[in-house]
C-alpha atoms as a PDB file:
ATOM      1  CA  MET A   1       0.000   0.000   0.000  1.00  0.00           C
ATOM      2  CA  LYS A   2       1.679   3.204  -1.175  1.00  0.00           C
ATOM      3  CA  GLN A   3      -0.938   5.473   0.340  1.00  0.00           C
ATOM      4  CA  PHE A   4      -4.092   5.104   2.354  1.00  0.00           C
ATOM      5  CA  PRO A   5      -7.283   4.593   0.289  1.00  0.00           C
ATOM      6  CA  LYS A   6      -9.698   7.437  -0.384  1.00  0.00           C
ATOM      7  CA  LYS A   7     -12.521   5.093  -1.399  1.00  0.00           C
ATOM      8  CA  LEU A   8     -13.512   1.735   0.048  1.00  0.00           C
ATOM      9  CA  LYS A   9     -16.200  -0.846  -0.547  1.00  0.00           C
ATOM     10  CA  ILE A  10     -17.391  -2.364   2.701  1.00  0.00           C
ATOM     11  CA  LEU A  11     -19.825  -5.257   2.260  1.00  0.00           C
ATOM     12  CA  GLY A  12     -20.431  -3.910  -1.255  1.00  0.00           C
ATOM     13  CA  VAL A  13     -21.267  -0.409  -0.013  1.00  0.00           C
ATOM     14  CA  PRO A  14     -19.034   2.449  -1.243  1.00  0.00           C
ATOM     15  CA  TYR A  15     -17.519   4.704   1.429  1.00  0.00           C
ATOM     16  CA  LYS A  16     -15.415   7.835   1.009  1.00  0.00           C
ATOM     17  CA  VAL A  17     -12.432   8.299   3.308  1.00  0.00           C
ATOM     18  CA  PHE A  18     -11.153  11.733   4.248  1.00  0.00           C
ATOM     19  CA  TYR A  19      -7.828  12.229   6.003  1.00  0.00           C
ATOM     20  CA  VAL A  20      -7.882  15.369   8.113  1.00  0.00           C
ATOM     21  CA  ASN A  21      -5.226  17.416   9.912  1.00  0.00           C
ATOM     22  CA  ASN A  22      -7.624  18.895  12.456  1.00  0.00           C
ATOM     23  CA  LEU A  23      -8.588  16.581  15.315  1.00  0.00           C
ATOM     24  CA  ARG A  24     -12.014  18.263  15.615  1.00  0.00           C
ATOM     25  CA  GLU A  25     -12.816  17.317  12.016  1.00  0.00           C
ATOM     26  CA  ALA A  26     -12.272  13.649  12.832  1.00  0.00           C
ATOM     27  CA  ASP A  27     -14.153  13.912  16.124  1.00  0.00           C
ATOM     28  CA  THR A  28     -17.611  14.584  14.716  1.00  0.00           C
ATOM     29  CA  GLU A  29     -19.433  13.672  17.937  1.00  0.00           C
ATOM     30  CA  GLY A  30     -17.371  15.944  20.200  1.00  0.00           C
ATOM     31  CA  LYS A  31     -15.782  13.121  22.176  1.00  0.00           C
ATOM     32  CA  ASP A  32     -12.305  13.547  23.617  1.00  0.00           C
ATOM     33  CA  GLU A  33      -9.332  11.835  22.020  1.00  0.00           C
ATOM     34  CA  VAL A  34     -11.174  10.377  19.027  1.00  0.00           C
ATOM     35  CA  PHE A  35      -8.921   9.886  16.010  1.00  0.00           C
ATOM     36  CA  GLY A  36     -11.579   8.772  13.555  1.00  0.00           C
ATOM     37  CA  SER A  37     -15.296   8.792  12.892  1.00  0.00           C
ATOM     38  CA  ILE A  38     -17.842   7.280  10.577  1.00  0.00           C
ATOM     39  CA  SER A  39     -21.120   8.594   9.244  1.00  0.00           C
ATOM     40  CA  HIS A  40     -23.222   5.528   8.475  1.00  0.00           C
ATOM     41  CA  CYS A  41     -25.842   7.670   6.716  1.00  0.00           C
ATOM     42  CA  ASP A  42     -23.413   9.564   4.478  1.00  0.00           C
ATOM     43  CA  LYS A  43     -20.981   6.620   4.097  1.00  0.00           C
ATOM     44  CA  ILE A  44     -18.031   8.832   5.064  1.00  0.00           C
ATOM     45  CA  ILE A  45     -15.055   7.917   7.210  1.00  0.00           C
ATOM     46  CA  LYS A  46     -12.780  10.628   8.625  1.00  0.00           C
ATOM     47  CA  ILE A  47      -9.306   9.830   9.939  1.00  0.00           C
ATOM     48  CA  TYR A  48      -6.977  12.205  11.797  1.00  0.00           C
ATOM     49  CA  ILE A  49      -3.477  12.044  10.260  1.00  0.00           C
ATOM     50  CA  LYS A  50      -1.563  15.150  11.310  1.00  0.00           C
ATOM     51  CA  PRO A  51       2.141  14.357  11.690  1.00  0.00           C
ATOM     52  CA  PRO A  52       3.861  13.015  13.662  1.00  0.00           C
ATOM     53  CA  ARG A  53       1.040  10.417  13.822  1.00  0.00           C
ATOM     54  CA  PRO A  54       2.615   7.088  12.756  1.00  0.00           C
ATOM     55  CA  SER A  55       1.274   5.191   9.741  1.00  0.00           C
ATOM     56  CA  GLU A  56       0.442   2.195  11.903  1.00  0.00           C
ATOM     57  CA  ALA A  57      -1.742   4.347  14.192  1.00  0.00           C
ATOM     58  CA  ILE A  58      -3.535   5.781  11.146  1.00  0.00           C
ATOM     59  CA  PHE A  59      -4.091   2.270   9.759  1.00  0.00           C
ATOM     60  CA  ILE A  60      -5.421   1.023  13.109  1.00  0.00           C
ATOM     61  CA  THR A  61      -7.903   3.923  13.160  1.00  0.00           C
ATOM     62  CA  LEU A  62      -8.975   3.169   9.581  1.00  0.00           C
ATOM     63  CA  ILE A  63      -9.514  -0.528  10.379  1.00  0.00           C
ATOM     64  CA  HIS A  64     -11.384   0.505  13.552  1.00  0.00           C
ATOM     65  CA  GLU A  65     -13.843   2.576  11.506  1.00  0.00           C
ATOM     66  CA  ILE A  66     -14.151  -0.213   8.901  1.00  0.00           C
ATOM     67  CA  ILE A  67     -15.155  -2.637  11.680  1.00  0.00           C
ATOM     68  CA  HIS A  68     -17.813  -0.115  12.790  1.00  0.00           C
ATOM     69  CA  ALA A  69     -19.126  -0.068   9.202  1.00  0.00           C
ATOM     70  CA  ILE A  70     -19.167  -3.873   8.962  1.00  0.00           C
ATOM     71  CA  LEU A  71     -21.065  -4.252  12.231  1.00  0.00           C
ATOM     72  CA  ASN A  72     -23.554  -1.518  11.295  1.00  0.00           C
ATOM     73  CA  ASP A  73     -24.155  -2.692   7.728  1.00  0.00           C
ATOM     74  CA  ALA A  74     -24.479  -6.303   8.890  1.00  0.00           C
ATOM     75  CA  GLY A  75     -27.137  -5.217  11.382  1.00  0.00           C
ATOM     76  CA  LEU A  76     -25.077  -6.168  14.437  1.00  0.00           C
ATOM     77  CA  ASP A  77     -25.443  -3.932  17.455  1.00  0.00           C
ATOM     78  CA  PHE A  78     -23.888  -3.933  20.902  1.00  0.00           C
ATOM     79  CA  ALA A  79     -26.148  -2.983  23.780  1.00  0.00           C
ATOM     80  CA  ASP A  80     -23.190  -1.403  25.562  1.00  0.00           C
ATOM     81  CA  GLU A  81     -21.337   1.292  23.559  1.00  0.00           C
ATOM     82  CA  MET A  82     -18.260   1.189  25.818  1.00  0.00           C
ATOM     83  CA  ARG A  83     -17.974  -2.572  25.339  1.00  0.00           C
ATOM     84  CA  GLU A  84     -18.393  -2.166  21.592  1.00  0.00           C
ATOM     85  CA  GLU A  85     -15.561   0.394  21.469  1.00  0.00           C
ATOM     86  CA  HIS A  86     -13.307  -1.869  23.529  1.00  0.00           C
ATOM     87  CA  VAL A  87     -13.968  -4.889  21.286  1.00  0.00           C
ATOM     88  CA  ILE A  88     -13.478  -2.880  18.079  1.00  0.00           C
ATOM     89  CA  LYS A  89     -10.301  -1.213  19.369  1.00  0.00           C
ATOM     90  CA  THR A  90      -8.861  -4.618  20.271  1.00  0.00           C
ATOM     91  CA  LEU A  91      -9.843  -6.209  16.953  1.00  0.00           C
ATOM     92  CA  ALA A  92      -8.424  -3.302  14.932  1.00  0.00           C
ATOM     93  CA  SER A  93      -5.057  -3.461  16.704  1.00  0.00           C
ATOM     94  CA  CYS A  94      -4.886  -7.243  16.321  1.00  0.00           C
ATOM     95  CA  PHE A  95      -5.838  -7.174  12.620  1.00  0.00           C
ATOM     96  CA  VAL A  96      -3.252  -4.513  11.818  1.00  0.00           C
ATOM     97  CA  SER A  97      -0.559  -6.376  13.723  1.00  0.00           C
ATOM     98  CA  PHE A  98      -1.430  -9.572  11.841  1.00  0.00           C
ATOM     99  CA  LEU A  99      -1.521  -7.869   8.425  1.00  0.00           C
ATOM    100  CA  VAL A 100       1.758  -5.972   8.929  1.00  0.00           C
ATOM    101  CA  ASP A 101       3.670  -8.769  10.686  1.00  0.00           C
ATOM    102  CA  ASN A 102       2.753 -11.267   7.963  1.00  0.00           C
ATOM    103  CA  LYS A 103       3.483  -8.753   5.186  1.00  0.00           C
ATOM    104  CA  PHE A 104      -0.055  -8.667   3.789  1.00  0.00           C
ATOM    105  CA  VAL A 105       0.302  -4.878   3.757  1.00  0.00           C
ATOM    106  CA  GLU A 106       3.203  -2.459   3.740  1.00  0.00           C
ATOM    107  CA  LEU A 107       2.272   0.786   5.398  1.00  0.00           C
ATOM    108  CA  PRO A 108       2.959   4.142   3.739  1.00  0.00           C
ATOM    109  CA  LYS A 109       6.027   5.934   5.047  1.00  0.00           C
END
């Protein structure tokens, strides 16, 4: 991967991905320390990238938002939002580690 994608298909649904330098742009719900967001209605993902944010952290955030899209579009819902965030955060980190460690992806420099 030479650069992060600007368009994705998730379960056949097209999403646009915007990479933003302003943390508030990525934090559309006004939560503290959020590095990405997804609008399920508009099919837009926003990821905070301002340097010196490492490529791996950006990729983890992207995968995190993709997992949100998969769960939403598949009709899966957690009753507990905090638990959902914890599960998704863990899965995203594990997937990225697996993909990078096994050379399925090479992260942009």
